[in-house]
Amino acid sequence: MLRDGPLSVCQMAAVLEAPVSTVSGHLLELRRVELVVERRKGKWVYYGLTSSTPATALLGPVLAAIADDPDVRRDAAKAAALHGTSPAALCDAAAADAPQVHP
């Protein structure tokens, strides 16, 4: 999803149809091993692929190997449609769909 540029957690969660918390946790691990970088823009955090040489050397062959996978292609197309759109509506929708915890 990030080959075409950075996305917010809410945008990626919408593509994957997964909870924001799950996607955020995975991104934390990817950031920890320096495969993605984060950038704040207002109240949103966007993640993109790293440009560090060691990580790029690792990512290149992996991305090439999965390029023809139908699920990867579908997710990439969905992500491309979200580039340049505000994550606000997606985050609001994700919050509305989240299970409500009542004490």
PDB file of N, CA and C in Angstrom:
ATOM      1  N   MET A   1       0.808  -1.207   0.000  1.00  0.00           N
ATOM      2  CA  MET A   1       0.000   0.000   0.000  1.00  0.00           C
ATOM      3  C   MET A   1       0.841   1.257   0.000  1.00  0.00           C
ATOM      4  N   LEU A   2       2.011   1.211   0.575  1.00  0.00           N
ATOM      5  CA  LEU A   2       2.818   2.416   0.756  1.00  0.00           C
ATOM      6  C   LEU A   2       3.770   2.689  -0.407  1.00  0.00           C
ATOM      7  N   ARG A   3       3.776   1.835  -1.419  1.00  0.00           N
ATOM      8  CA  ARG A   3       4.671   2.072  -2.558  1.00  0.00           C
ATOM      9  C   ARG A   3       4.366   3.384  -3.264  1.00  0.00           C
ATOM     10  N   ASP A   4       3.103   3.782  -3.271  1.00  0.00           N
ATOM     11  CA  ASP A   4       2.709   5.006  -3.983  1.00  0.00           C
ATOM     12  C   ASP A   4       2.710   6.237  -3.096  1.00  0.00           C
ATOM     13  N   GLY A   5       3.153   6.095  -1.844  1.00  0.00           N
ATOM     14  CA  GLY A   5       3.234   7.235  -0.956  1.00  0.00           C
ATOM     15  C   GLY A   5       2.624   6.943   0.396  1.00  0.00           C
ATOM     16  N   PRO A   6       2.821   7.869   1.322  1.00  0.00           N
ATOM     17  CA  PRO A   6       2.361   7.667   2.695  1.00  0.00           C
ATOM     18  C   PRO A   6       0.840   7.614   2.814  1.00  0.00           C
ATOM     19  N   LEU A   7       0.395   6.885   3.827  1.00  0.00           N
ATOM     20  CA  LEU A   7      -1.027   6.813   4.176  1.00  0.00           C
ATOM     21  C   LEU A   7      -1.157   6.927   5.686  1.00  0.00           C
ATOM     22  N   SER A   8      -2.318   7.369   6.127  1.00  0.00           N
ATOM     23  CA  SER A   8      -2.585   7.411   7.560  1.00  0.00           C
ATOM     24  C   SER A   8      -3.014   6.022   8.034  1.00  0.00           C
ATOM     25  N   VAL A   9      -2.992   5.829   9.339  1.00  0.00           N
ATOM     26  CA  VAL A   9      -3.420   4.558   9.920  1.00  0.00           C
ATOM     27  C   VAL A   9      -4.876   4.291   9.533  1.00  0.00           C
ATOM     28  N   CYS A  10      -5.719   5.304   9.589  1.00  0.00           N
ATOM     29  CA  CYS A  10      -7.135   5.119   9.259  1.00  0.00           C
ATOM     30  C   CYS A  10      -7.323   4.734   7.794  1.00  0.00           C
ATOM     31  N   GLN A  11      -6.530   5.318   6.908  1.00  0.00           N
ATOM     32  CA  GLN A  11      -6.615   4.952   5.500  1.00  0.00           C
ATOM     33  C   GLN A  11      -6.225   3.488   5.300  1.00  0.00           C
ATOM     34  N   MET A  12      -5.135   3.070   5.954  1.00  0.00           N
ATOM     35  CA  MET A  12      -4.701   1.676   5.818  1.00  0.00           C
ATOM     36  C   MET A  12      -5.705   0.725   6.445  1.00  0.00           C
ATOM     37  N   ALA A  13      -6.288   1.106   7.577  1.00  0.00           N
ATOM     38  CA  ALA A  13      -7.296   0.263   8.220  1.00  0.00           C
ATOM     39  C   ALA A  13      -8.511   0.094   7.309  1.00  0.00           C
ATOM     40  N   ALA A  14      -8.886   1.152   6.607  1.00  0.00           N
ATOM     41  CA  ALA A  14     -10.017   1.069   5.686  1.00  0.00           C
ATOM     42  C   ALA A  14      -9.704   0.110   4.538  1.00  0.00           C
ATOM     43  N   VAL A  15      -8.502   0.174   4.016  1.00  0.00           N
ATOM     44  CA  VAL A  15      -8.109  -0.721   2.927  1.00  0.00           C
ATOM     45  C   VAL A  15      -8.138  -2.172   3.400  1.00  0.00           C
ATOM     46  N   LEU A  16      -7.583  -2.412   4.568  1.00  0.00           N
ATOM     47  CA  LEU A  16      -7.466  -3.775   5.083  1.00  0.00           C
ATOM     48  C   LEU A  16      -8.728  -4.282   5.759  1.00  0.00           C
ATOM     49  N   GLU A  17      -9.690  -3.366   5.975  1.00  0.00           N
ATOM     50  CA  GLU A  17     -10.915  -3.700   6.698  1.00  0.00           C
ATOM     51  C   GLU A  17     -10.553  -4.334   8.044  1.00  0.00           C
ATOM     52  N   ALA A  18      -9.634  -3.654   8.731  1.00  0.00           N
ATOM     53  CA  ALA A  18      -9.128  -4.113  10.031  1.00  0.00           C
ATOM     54  C   ALA A  18      -9.256  -2.977  11.040  1.00  0.00           C
ATOM     55  N   PRO A  19      -9.282  -3.313  12.322  1.00  0.00           N
ATOM     56  CA  PRO A  19      -9.344  -2.263  13.340  1.00  0.00           C
ATOM     57  C   PRO A  19      -8.110  -1.360  13.304  1.00  0.00           C
ATOM     58  N   VAL A  20      -8.328  -0.092  13.558  1.00  0.00           N
ATOM     59  CA  VAL A  20      -7.236   0.876  13.580  1.00  0.00           C
ATOM     60  C   VAL A  20      -6.162   0.447  14.585  1.00  0.00           C
ATOM     61  N   SER A  21      -6.579  -0.072  15.725  1.00  0.00           N
ATOM     62  CA  SER A  21      -5.617  -0.479  16.743  1.00  0.00           C
ATOM     63  C   SER A  21      -4.709  -1.607  16.247  1.00  0.00           C
ATOM     64  N   THR A  22      -5.246  -2.520  15.471  1.00  0.00           N
ATOM     65  CA  THR A  22      -4.456  -3.621  14.923  1.00  0.00           C
ATOM     66  C   THR A  22      -3.433  -3.104  13.922  1.00  0.00           C
ATOM     67  N   VAL A  23      -3.893  -2.250  13.015  1.00  0.00           N
ATOM     68  CA  VAL A  23      -2.993  -1.689  12.008  1.00  0.00           C
ATOM     69  C   VAL A  23      -1.917  -0.854  12.682  1.00  0.00           C
ATOM     70  N   SER A  24      -2.296  -0.071  13.667  1.00  0.00           N
ATOM     71  CA  SER A  24      -1.346   0.754  14.399  1.00  0.00           C
ATOM     72  C   SER A  24      -0.274  -0.104  15.079  1.00  0.00           C
ATOM     73  N   GLY A  25      -0.676  -1.219  15.653  1.00  0.00           N
ATOM     74  CA  GLY A  25       0.275  -2.116  16.296  1.00  0.00           C
ATOM     75  C   GLY A  25       1.273  -2.697  15.316  1.00  0.00           C
ATOM     76  N   HIS A  26       0.801  -3.076  14.141  1.00  0.00           N
ATOM     77  CA  HIS A  26       1.698  -3.608  13.118  1.00  0.00           C
ATOM     78  C   HIS A  26       2.661  -2.525  12.627  1.00  0.00           C
ATOM     79  N   LEU A  27       2.142  -1.320  12.460  1.00  0.00           N
ATOM     80  CA  LEU A  27       3.000  -0.219  12.025  1.00  0.00           C
ATOM     81  C   LEU A  27       4.066   0.106  13.061  1.00  0.00           C
ATOM     82  N   LEU A  28       3.722  -0.002  14.318  1.00  0.00           N
ATOM     83  CA  LEU A  28       4.698   0.217  15.375  1.00  0.00           C
ATOM     84  C   LEU A  28       5.871  -0.750  15.230  1.00  0.00           C
ATOM     85  N   GLU A  29       5.567  -2.003  14.952  1.00  0.00           N
ATOM     86  CA  GLU A  29       6.636  -2.991  14.762  1.00  0.00           C
ATOM     87  C   GLU A  29       7.453  -2.694  13.502  1.00  0.00           C
ATOM     88  N   LEU A  30       6.789  -2.306  12.429  1.00  0.00           N
ATOM     89  CA  LEU A  30       7.514  -1.967  11.197  1.00  0.00           C
ATOM     90  C   LEU A  30       8.395  -0.733  11.386  1.00  0.00           C
ATOM     91  N   ARG A  31       7.916   0.202  12.182  1.00  0.00           N
ATOM     92  CA  ARG A  31       8.720   1.397  12.479  1.00  0.00           C
ATOM     93  C   ARG A  31       9.899   1.030  13.372  1.00  0.00           C
ATOM     94  N   ARG A  32       9.661   0.142  14.326  1.00  0.00           N
ATOM     95  CA  ARG A  32      10.723  -0.292  15.239  1.00  0.00           C
ATOM     96  C   ARG A  32      11.893  -0.916  14.480  1.00  0.00           C
ATOM     97  N   VAL A  33      11.605  -1.660  13.415  1.00  0.00           N
ATOM     98  CA  VAL A  33      12.674  -2.284  12.631  1.00  0.00           C
ATOM     99  C   VAL A  33      13.073  -1.435  11.424  1.00  0.00           C
ATOM    100  N   GLU A  34      12.593  -0.190  11.417  1.00  0.00           N
ATOM    101  CA  GLU A  34      12.977   0.832  10.440  1.00  0.00           C
ATOM    102  C   GLU A  34      12.605   0.506   8.997  1.00  0.00           C
ATOM    103  N   LEU A  35      11.456  -0.180   8.811  1.00  0.00           N
ATOM    104  CA  LEU A  35      10.950  -0.410   7.465  1.00  0.00           C
ATOM    105  C   LEU A  35       9.977   0.676   7.034  1.00  0.00           C
ATOM    106  N   VAL A  36       9.364   1.356   8.007  1.00  0.00           N
ATOM    107  CA  VAL A  36       8.503   2.495   7.703  1.00  0.00           C
ATOM    108  C   VAL A  36       8.916   3.674   8.575  1.00  0.00           C
ATOM    109  N   VAL A  37       8.570   4.849   8.115  1.00  0.00           N
ATOM    110  CA  VAL A  37       8.807   6.076   8.869  1.00  0.00           C
ATOM    111  C   VAL A  37       7.459   6.767   9.048  1.00  0.00           C
ATOM    112  N   GLU A  38       7.368   7.566  10.114  1.00  0.00           N
ATOM    113  CA  GLU A  38       6.129   8.297  10.344  1.00  0.00           C
ATOM    114  C   GLU A  38       6.373   9.785  10.211  1.00  0.00           C
ATOM    115  N   ARG A  39       5.313  10.472   9.803  1.00  0.00           N
ATOM    116  CA  ARG A  39       5.360  11.924   9.658  1.00  0.00           C
ATOM    117  C   ARG A  39       4.023  12.470  10.137  1.00  0.00           C
ATOM    118  N   ARG A  40       4.087  13.470  11.002  1.00  0.00           N
ATOM    119  CA  ARG A  40       2.861  14.108  11.498  1.00  0.00           C
ATOM    120  C   ARG A  40       2.474  15.244  10.555  1.00  0.00           C
ATOM    121  N   LYS A  41       1.173  15.318  10.301  1.00  0.00           N
ATOM    122  CA  LYS A  41       0.613  16.428   9.533  1.00  0.00           C
ATOM    123  C   LYS A  41      -0.673  16.807  10.239  1.00  0.00           C
ATOM    124  N   GLY A  42      -0.594  17.885  11.038  1.00  0.00           N
ATOM    125  CA  GLY A  42      -1.737  18.252  11.867  1.00  0.00           C
ATOM    126  C   GLY A  42      -1.953  17.189  12.922  1.00  0.00           C
ATOM    127  N   LYS A  43      -3.177  16.724  13.049  1.00  0.00           N
ATOM    128  CA  LYS A  43      -3.435  15.694  14.056  1.00  0.00           C
ATOM    129  C   LYS A  43      -3.269  14.279  13.508  1.00  0.00           C
ATOM    130  N   TRP A  44      -2.920  14.159  12.243  1.00  0.00           N
ATOM    131  CA  TRP A  44      -2.786  12.844  11.608  1.00  0.00           C
ATOM    132  C   TRP A  44      -1.329  12.420  11.541  1.00  0.00           C
ATOM    133  N   VAL A  45      -1.128  11.116  11.639  1.00  0.00           N
ATOM    134  CA  VAL A  45       0.204  10.531  11.474  1.00  0.00           C
ATOM    135  C   VAL A  45       0.162   9.700  10.202  1.00  0.00           C
ATOM    136  N   TYR A  46       1.091   9.981   9.304  1.00  0.00           N
ATOM    137  CA  TYR A  46       1.194   9.254   8.048  1.00  0.00           C
ATOM    138  C   TYR A  46       2.428   8.371   8.084  1.00  0.00           C
ATOM    139  N   TYR A  47       2.300   7.192   7.500  1.00  0.00           N
ATOM    140  CA  TYR A  47       3.411   6.250   7.429  1.00  0.00           C
ATOM    141  C   TYR A  47       3.797   6.044   5.978  1.00  0.00           C
ATOM    142  N   GLY A  48       5.096   5.948   5.758  1.00  0.00           N
ATOM    143  CA  GLY A  48       5.617   5.682   4.428  1.00  0.00           C
ATOM    144  C   GLY A  48       6.779   4.712   4.516  1.00  0.00           C
ATOM    145  N   LEU A  49       7.153   4.172   3.381  1.00  0.00           N
ATOM    146  CA  LEU A  49       8.299   3.274   3.342  1.00  0.00           C
ATOM    147  C   LEU A  49       9.569   4.053   3.624  1.00  0.00           C
ATOM    148  N   THR A  50      10.484   3.443   4.313  1.00  0.00           N
ATOM    149  CA  THR A  50      11.752   4.078   4.629  1.00  0.00           C
ATOM    150  C   THR A  50      12.595   4.241   3.368  1.00  0.00           C
ATOM    151  N   SER A  51      13.503   5.170   3.422  1.00  0.00           N
ATOM    152  CA  SER A  51      14.439   5.329   2.302  1.00  0.00           C
ATOM    153  C   SER A  51      15.845   4.916   2.715  1.00  0.00           C
ATOM    154  N   SER A  52      15.974   4.301   3.905  1.00  0.00           N
ATOM    155  CA  SER A  52      17.304   3.882   4.346  1.00  0.00           C
ATOM    156  C   SER A  52      17.793   2.738   3.462  1.00  0.00           C
ATOM    157  N   THR A  53      19.047   2.777   3.149  1.00  0.00           N
ATOM    158  CA  THR A  53      19.625   1.821   2.209  1.00  0.00           C
ATOM    159  C   THR A  53      19.464   0.362   2.648  1.00  0.00           C
ATOM    160  N   PRO A  54      19.789  -0.004   3.891  1.00  0.00           N
ATOM    161  CA  PRO A  54      19.627  -1.414   4.258  1.00  0.00           C
ATOM    162  C   PRO A  54      18.180  -1.907   4.124  1.00  0.00           C
ATOM    163  N   ALA A  55      17.224  -1.092   4.548  1.00  0.00           N
ATOM    164  CA  ALA A  55      15.818  -1.495   4.465  1.00  0.00           C
ATOM    165  C   ALA A  55      15.356  -1.555   3.016  1.00  0.00           C
ATOM    166  N   THR A  56      15.779  -0.613   2.204  1.00  0.00           N
ATOM    167  CA  THR A  56      15.405  -0.602   0.797  1.00  0.00           C
ATOM    168  C   THR A  56      15.937  -1.845   0.099  1.00  0.00           C
ATOM    169  N   ALA A  57      17.142  -2.262   0.461  1.00  0.00           N
ATOM    170  CA  ALA A  57      17.714  -3.476  -0.119  1.00  0.00           C
ATOM    171  C   ALA A  57      16.867  -4.698   0.231  1.00  0.00           C
ATOM    172  N   LEU A  58      16.280  -4.695   1.406  1.00  0.00           N
ATOM    173  CA  LEU A  58      15.415  -5.792   1.831  1.00  0.00           C
ATOM    174  C   LEU A  58      14.036  -5.696   1.193  1.00  0.00           C
ATOM    175  N   LEU A  59      13.472  -4.495   1.173  1.00  0.00           N
ATOM    176  CA  LEU A  59      12.110  -4.309   0.671  1.00  0.00           C
ATOM    177  C   LEU A  59      11.985  -4.544  -0.829  1.00  0.00           C
ATOM    178  N   GLY A  60      12.981  -4.152  -1.596  1.00  0.00           N
ATOM    179  CA  GLY A  60      12.908  -4.277  -3.058  1.00  0.00           C
ATOM    180  C   GLY A  60      12.539  -5.674  -3.521  1.00  0.00           C
ATOM    181  N   PRO A  61      13.312  -6.685  -3.137  1.00  0.00           N
ATOM    182  CA  PRO A  61      12.980  -8.048  -3.569  1.00  0.00           C
ATOM    183  C   PRO A  61      11.640  -8.559  -3.025  1.00  0.00           C
ATOM    184  N   VAL A  62      11.298  -8.170  -1.808  1.00  0.00           N
ATOM    185  CA  VAL A  62      10.022  -8.604  -1.226  1.00  0.00           C
ATOM    186  C   VAL A  62       8.860  -8.000  -2.013  1.00  0.00           C
ATOM    187  N   LEU A  63       8.926  -6.700  -2.283  1.00  0.00           N
ATOM    188  CA  LEU A  63       7.852  -6.045  -3.033  1.00  0.00           C
ATOM    189  C   LEU A  63       7.732  -6.621  -4.438  1.00  0.00           C
ATOM    190  N   ALA A  64       8.867  -6.927  -5.058  1.00  0.00           N
ATOM    191  CA  ALA A  64       8.838  -7.531  -6.395  1.00  0.00           C
ATOM    192  C   ALA A  64       8.194  -8.920  -6.352  1.00  0.00           C
ATOM    193  N   ALA A  65       8.485  -9.677  -5.318  1.00  0.00           N
ATOM    194  CA  ALA A  65       7.956 -11.042  -5.205  1.00  0.00           C
ATOM    195  C   ALA A  65       6.446 -11.067  -5.006  1.00  0.00           C
ATOM    196  N   ILE A  66       5.896 -10.050  -4.362  1.00  0.00           N
ATOM    197  CA  ILE A  66       4.456 -10.057  -4.079  1.00  0.00           C
ATOM    198  C   ILE A  66       3.649  -9.197  -5.050  1.00  0.00           C
ATOM    199  N   ALA A  67       4.304  -8.590  -6.010  1.00  0.00           N
ATOM    200  CA  ALA A  67       3.649  -7.627  -6.902  1.00  0.00           C
ATOM    201  C   ALA A  67       2.460  -8.214  -7.661  1.00  0.00           C
ATOM    202  N   ASP A  68       2.503  -9.482  -8.012  1.00  0.00           N
ATOM    203  CA  ASP A  68       1.421 -10.078  -8.798  1.00  0.00           C
ATOM    204  C   ASP A  68       0.363 -10.786  -7.958  1.00  0.00           C
ATOM    205  N   ASP A  69       0.501 -10.752  -6.650  1.00  0.00           N
ATOM    206  CA  ASP A  69      -0.486 -11.384  -5.783  1.00  0.00           C
ATOM    207  C   ASP A  69      -1.812 -10.630  -5.903  1.00  0.00           C
ATOM    208  N   PRO A  70      -2.916 -11.322  -6.140  1.00  0.00           N
ATOM    209  CA  PRO A  70      -4.206 -10.633  -6.326  1.00  0.00           C
ATOM    210  C   PRO A  70      -4.633  -9.799  -5.125  1.00  0.00           C
ATOM    211  N   ASP A  71      -4.384 -10.280  -3.909  1.00  0.00           N
ATOM    212  CA  ASP A  71      -4.763  -9.506  -2.721  1.00  0.00           C
ATOM    213  C   ASP A  71      -3.922  -8.238  -2.609  1.00  0.00           C
ATOM    214  N   VAL A  72      -2.647  -8.341  -2.910  1.00  0.00           N
ATOM    215  CA  VAL A  72      -1.758  -7.176  -2.859  1.00  0.00           C
ATOM    216  C   VAL A  72      -2.197  -6.160  -3.904  1.00  0.00           C
ATOM    217  N   ARG A  73      -2.519  -6.624  -5.097  1.00  0.00           N
ATOM    218  CA  ARG A  73      -2.961  -5.717  -6.173  1.00  0.00           C
ATOM    219  C   ARG A  73      -4.277  -5.032  -5.803  1.00  0.00           C
ATOM    220  N   ARG A  74      -5.200  -5.790  -5.203  1.00  0.00           N
ATOM    221  CA  ARG A  74      -6.492  -5.213  -4.796  1.00  0.00           C
ATOM    222  C   ARG A  74      -6.278  -4.142  -3.725  1.00  0.00           C
ATOM    223  N   ASP A  75      -5.463  -4.472  -2.716  1.00  0.00           N
ATOM    224  CA  ASP A  75      -5.201  -3.510  -1.646  1.00  0.00           C
ATOM    225  C   ASP A  75      -4.480  -2.277  -2.173  1.00  0.00           C
ATOM    226  N   ALA A  76      -3.558  -2.465  -3.107  1.00  0.00           N
ATOM    227  CA  ALA A  76      -2.841  -1.325  -3.693  1.00  0.00           C
ATOM    228  C   ALA A  76      -3.808  -0.414  -4.448  1.00  0.00           C
ATOM    229  N   ALA A  77      -4.748  -0.999  -5.166  1.00  0.00           N
ATOM    230  CA  ALA A  77      -5.734  -0.196  -5.898  1.00  0.00           C
ATOM    231  C   ALA A  77      -6.630   0.573  -4.930  1.00  0.00           C
ATOM    232  N   LYS A  78      -7.061  -0.083  -3.856  1.00  0.00           N
ATOM    233  CA  LYS A  78      -7.888   0.600  -2.853  1.00  0.00           C
ATOM    234  C   LYS A  78      -7.101   1.728  -2.193  1.00  0.00           C
ATOM    235  N   ALA A  79      -5.830   1.470  -1.890  1.00  0.00           N
ATOM    236  CA  ALA A  79      -4.998   2.493  -1.257  1.00  0.00           C
ATOM    237  C   ALA A  79      -4.777   3.668  -2.197  1.00  0.00           C
ATOM    238  N   ALA A  80      -4.556   3.386  -3.475  1.00  0.00           N
ATOM    239  CA  ALA A  80      -4.329   4.459  -4.449  1.00  0.00           C
ATOM    240  C   ALA A  80      -5.532   5.399  -4.506  1.00  0.00           C
ATOM    241  N   ALA A  81      -6.723   4.852  -4.343  1.00  0.00           N
ATOM    242  CA  ALA A  81      -7.935   5.681  -4.366  1.00  0.00           C
ATOM    243  C   ALA A  81      -8.023   6.585  -3.142  1.00  0.00           C
ATOM    244  N   LEU A  82      -7.318   6.230  -2.073  1.00  0.00           N
ATOM    245  CA  LEU A  82      -7.373   7.020  -0.840  1.00  0.00           C
ATOM    246  C   LEU A  82      -6.281   8.077  -0.741  1.00  0.00           C
ATOM    247  N   HIS A  83      -5.262   7.992  -1.590  1.00  0.00           N
ATOM    248  CA  HIS A  83      -4.189   8.996  -1.535  1.00  0.00           C
ATOM    249  C   HIS A  83      -4.776  10.372  -1.821  1.00  0.00           C
ATOM    250  N   GLY A  84      -4.398  11.314  -0.987  1.00  0.00           N
ATOM    251  CA  GLY A  84      -4.859  12.678  -1.169  1.00  0.00           C
ATOM    252  C   GLY A  84      -6.202  12.967  -0.518  1.00  0.00           C
ATOM    253  N   THR A  85      -6.835  11.956   0.051  1.00  0.00           N
ATOM    254  CA  THR A  85      -8.097  12.202   0.745  1.00  0.00           C
ATOM    255  C   THR A  85      -7.823  12.343   2.241  1.00  0.00           C
ATOM    256  N   SER A  86      -8.663  13.078   2.909  1.00  0.00           N
ATOM    257  CA  SER A  86      -8.508  13.283   4.342  1.00  0.00           C
ATOM    258  C   SER A  86      -8.875  12.010   5.089  1.00  0.00           C
ATOM    259  N   PRO A  87      -8.076  11.644   6.077  1.00  0.00           N
ATOM    260  CA  PRO A  87      -8.411  10.451   6.854  1.00  0.00           C
ATOM    261  C   PRO A  87      -9.536  10.684   7.861  1.00  0.00           C
ATOM    262  N   ALA A  88     -10.002  11.908   8.008  1.00  0.00           N
ATOM    263  CA  ALA A  88     -10.992  12.226   9.046  1.00  0.00           C
ATOM    264  C   ALA A  88     -12.244  11.365   8.941  1.00  0.00           C
ATOM    265  N   ALA A  89     -12.844  11.290   7.769  1.00  0.00           N
ATOM    266  CA  ALA A  89     -14.080  10.509   7.616  1.00  0.00           C
ATOM    267  C   ALA A  89     -13.827   9.036   7.877  1.00  0.00           C
ATOM    268  N   LEU A  90     -12.674   8.537   7.447  1.00  0.00           N
ATOM    269  CA  LEU A  90     -12.347   7.126   7.666  1.00  0.00           C
ATOM    270  C   LEU A  90     -12.161   6.839   9.150  1.00  0.00           C
ATOM    271  N   CYS A  91     -11.504   7.753   9.856  1.00  0.00           N
ATOM    272  CA  CYS A  91     -11.304   7.572  11.296  1.00  0.00           C
ATOM    273  C   CYS A  91     -12.630   7.659  12.035  1.00  0.00           C
ATOM    274  N   ASP A  92     -13.487   8.576  11.612  1.00  0.00           N
ATOM    275  CA  ASP A  92     -14.804   8.687  12.237  1.00  0.00           C
ATOM    276  C   ASP A  92     -15.618   7.421  12.007  1.00  0.00           C
ATOM    277  N   ALA A  93     -15.545   6.873  10.789  1.00  0.00           N
ATOM    278  CA  ALA A  93     -16.278   5.641  10.473  1.00  0.00           C
ATOM    279  C   ALA A  93     -15.732   4.478  11.270  1.00  0.00           C
ATOM    280  N   ALA A  94     -14.414   4.406  11.418  1.00  0.00           N
ATOM    281  CA  ALA A  94     -13.795   3.327  12.181  1.00  0.00           C
ATOM    282  C   ALA A  94     -14.207   3.413  13.646  1.00  0.00           C
ATOM    283  N   ALA A  95     -14.267   4.635  14.179  1.00  0.00           N
ATOM    284  CA  ALA A  95     -14.671   4.808  15.579  1.00  0.00           C
ATOM    285  C   ALA A  95     -16.132   4.405  15.779  1.00  0.00           C
ATOM    286  N   ALA A  96     -16.957   4.706  14.792  1.00  0.00           N
ATOM    287  CA  ALA A  96     -18.375   4.345  14.891  1.00  0.00           C
ATOM    288  C   ALA A  96     -18.579   2.831  14.827  1.00  0.00           C
ATOM    289  N   ASP A  97     -17.700   2.141  14.069  1.00  0.00           N
ATOM    290  CA  ASP A  97     -17.805   0.690  13.931  1.00  0.00           C
ATOM    291  C   ASP A  97     -17.164  -0.067  15.083  1.00  0.00           C
ATOM    292  N   ALA A  98     -16.340   0.623  15.878  1.00  0.00           N
ATOM    293  CA  ALA A  98     -15.637  -0.050  16.975  1.00  0.00           C
ATOM    294  C   ALA A  98     -16.636  -0.485  18.041  1.00  0.00           C
ATOM    295  N   PRO A  99     -16.385  -1.641  18.642  1.00  0.00           N
ATOM    296  CA  PRO A  99     -17.278  -2.074  19.719  1.00  0.00           C
ATOM    297  C   PRO A  99     -17.245  -1.090  20.882  1.00  0.00           C
ATOM    298  N   GLN A 100     -18.380  -0.809  21.423  1.00  0.00           N
ATOM    299  CA  GLN A 100     -18.482   0.118  22.539  1.00  0.00           C
ATOM    300  C   GLN A 100     -18.300  -0.659  23.843  1.00  0.00           C
ATOM    301  N   VAL A 101     -17.432  -0.165  24.697  1.00  0.00           N
ATOM    302  CA  VAL A 101     -17.188  -0.792  25.993  1.00  0.00           C
ATOM    303  C   VAL A 101     -17.890   0.035  27.048  1.00  0.00           C
ATOM    304  N   HIS A 102     -18.768  -0.596  27.772  1.00  0.00           N
ATOM    305  CA  HIS A 102     -19.504   0.099  28.827  1.00  0.00           C
ATOM    306  C   HIS A 102     -19.115  -0.509  30.174  1.00  0.00           C
ATOM    307  N   PRO A 103     -18.819   0.342  31.138  1.00  0.00           N
ATOM    308  CA  PRO A 103     -18.433  -0.192  32.464  1.00  0.00           C
ATOM    309  C   PRO A 103     -19.565  -0.894  33.169  1.00  0.00           C
TER     310      PRO A 103
END
